[in-house]
Amino acid sequence: PHRPFCGQCGTPLGFAFLDGKGGIDLTVGSFDDPSAFRPVLHAGAESVHEAWLDTRDLPRNYSATTRSVADRYQAAGLEVPE
């Protein structure tokens, strides 16, 4: 397989087979607004992790209110996500 990476930071951006058949899969998280996408299927469902399918009831920690995370962003000279 071929895995495209960001030329600036090295983040993996997707997946494609070397023969070029079947298009390319892009990671949702690599888009500026991933909320614009809705899942339509589970690819590779034989290895799906059932516990990760519905996590909406888990407690949520936010970067801006988690001091150790916010400190790391600031130490790197980055804006803390809201």
Protein backbone atom coordinates (compact mmCIF):
# COMPACT_ATOMS: atom_id res chain seq x y z
CA PRO A 1 0.00 0.00 0.00
CA HIS A 2 0.91 3.65 -0.41
CA ARG A 3 0.41 6.07 2.46
CA PRO A 4 0.48 9.78 1.67
CA PHE A 5 1.97 12.03 4.35
CA CYS A 6 1.86 15.79 4.96
CA GLY A 7 4.96 17.33 3.40
CA GLN A 8 5.33 19.78 6.30
CA CYS A 9 4.65 17.76 9.45
CA GLY A 10 4.67 14.12 8.33
CA THR A 11 1.12 13.35 9.49
CA PRO A 12 -0.35 10.31 7.67
CA LEU A 13 -3.15 11.52 5.40
CA GLY A 14 -4.60 8.38 3.89
CA PHE A 15 -4.15 5.08 2.15
CA ALA A 16 -4.06 3.80 -1.44
CA PHE A 17 -3.14 0.49 -3.05
CA LEU A 18 -0.04 0.64 -5.23
CA ASP A 19 -1.93 -0.58 -8.32
CA GLY A 20 -4.05 2.59 -8.19
CA LYS A 21 -7.33 0.68 -8.23
CA GLY A 22 -10.03 1.71 -5.77
CA GLY A 23 -9.10 5.35 -5.37
CA ILE A 24 -7.58 6.72 -2.20
CA ASP A 25 -8.87 6.87 1.36
CA LEU A 26 -8.18 10.11 3.21
CA THR A 27 -8.23 10.43 6.98
CA VAL A 28 -11.14 12.53 8.19
CA GLY A 29 -8.97 14.21 10.80
CA SER A 30 -6.70 15.66 8.11
CA PHE A 31 -9.45 18.04 6.93
CA ASP A 32 -9.95 21.50 8.43
CA ASP A 33 -13.64 20.74 9.05
CA PRO A 34 -14.09 16.99 9.57
CA SER A 35 -17.69 17.56 10.73
CA ALA A 36 -18.62 18.01 7.06
CA PHE A 37 -18.21 14.25 6.56
CA ARG A 38 -20.60 11.48 7.58
CA PRO A 39 -19.56 7.82 7.67
CA VAL A 40 -21.22 5.60 5.08
CA LEU A 41 -19.55 2.23 5.87
CA HIS A 42 -16.96 0.45 7.97
CA ALA A 43 -14.02 -0.65 5.83
CA GLY A 44 -12.04 -3.59 7.20
CA ALA A 45 -14.92 -4.40 9.55
CA GLU A 46 -13.25 -7.66 10.59
CA SER A 47 -10.95 -5.59 12.81
CA VAL A 48 -13.45 -3.01 14.07
CA HIS A 49 -13.16 -2.24 17.78
CA GLU A 50 -16.74 -2.42 19.06
CA ALA A 51 -15.97 -0.39 22.19
CA TRP A 52 -15.04 2.60 20.00
CA LEU A 53 -18.21 2.69 17.90
CA ASP A 54 -20.30 4.77 20.30
CA THR A 55 -18.38 6.88 22.80
CA ARG A 56 -20.87 9.74 23.18
CA ASP A 57 -21.61 8.93 26.85
CA LEU A 58 -17.98 9.03 27.97
CA PRO A 59 -16.77 12.03 29.99
CA ARG A 60 -15.09 14.71 27.88
CA ASN A 61 -11.87 16.53 28.69
CA TYR A 62 -11.10 19.69 26.74
CA SER A 63 -7.60 20.94 25.97
CA ALA A 64 -8.31 24.48 27.19
CA THR A 65 -9.50 23.28 30.60
CA THR A 66 -6.91 20.53 31.10
CA ARG A 67 -4.00 22.50 32.57
CA SER A 68 -1.24 20.02 31.63
CA VAL A 69 -2.39 19.94 27.99
CA ALA A 70 -2.88 23.71 27.78
CA ASP A 71 0.60 24.23 29.23
CA ARG A 72 2.12 22.01 26.52
CA TYR A 73 0.40 23.96 23.75
CA GLN A 74 1.60 27.24 25.21
CA ALA A 75 5.15 25.95 25.75
CA ALA A 76 5.25 25.06 22.05
CA GLY A 77 4.09 28.57 21.14
CA LEU A 78 0.72 27.30 19.92
CA GLU A 79 -2.80 28.52 20.58
CA VAL A 80 -4.78 26.23 22.87
CA PRO A 81 -7.81 24.76 21.01
CA GLU A 82 -11.15 25.97 22.35
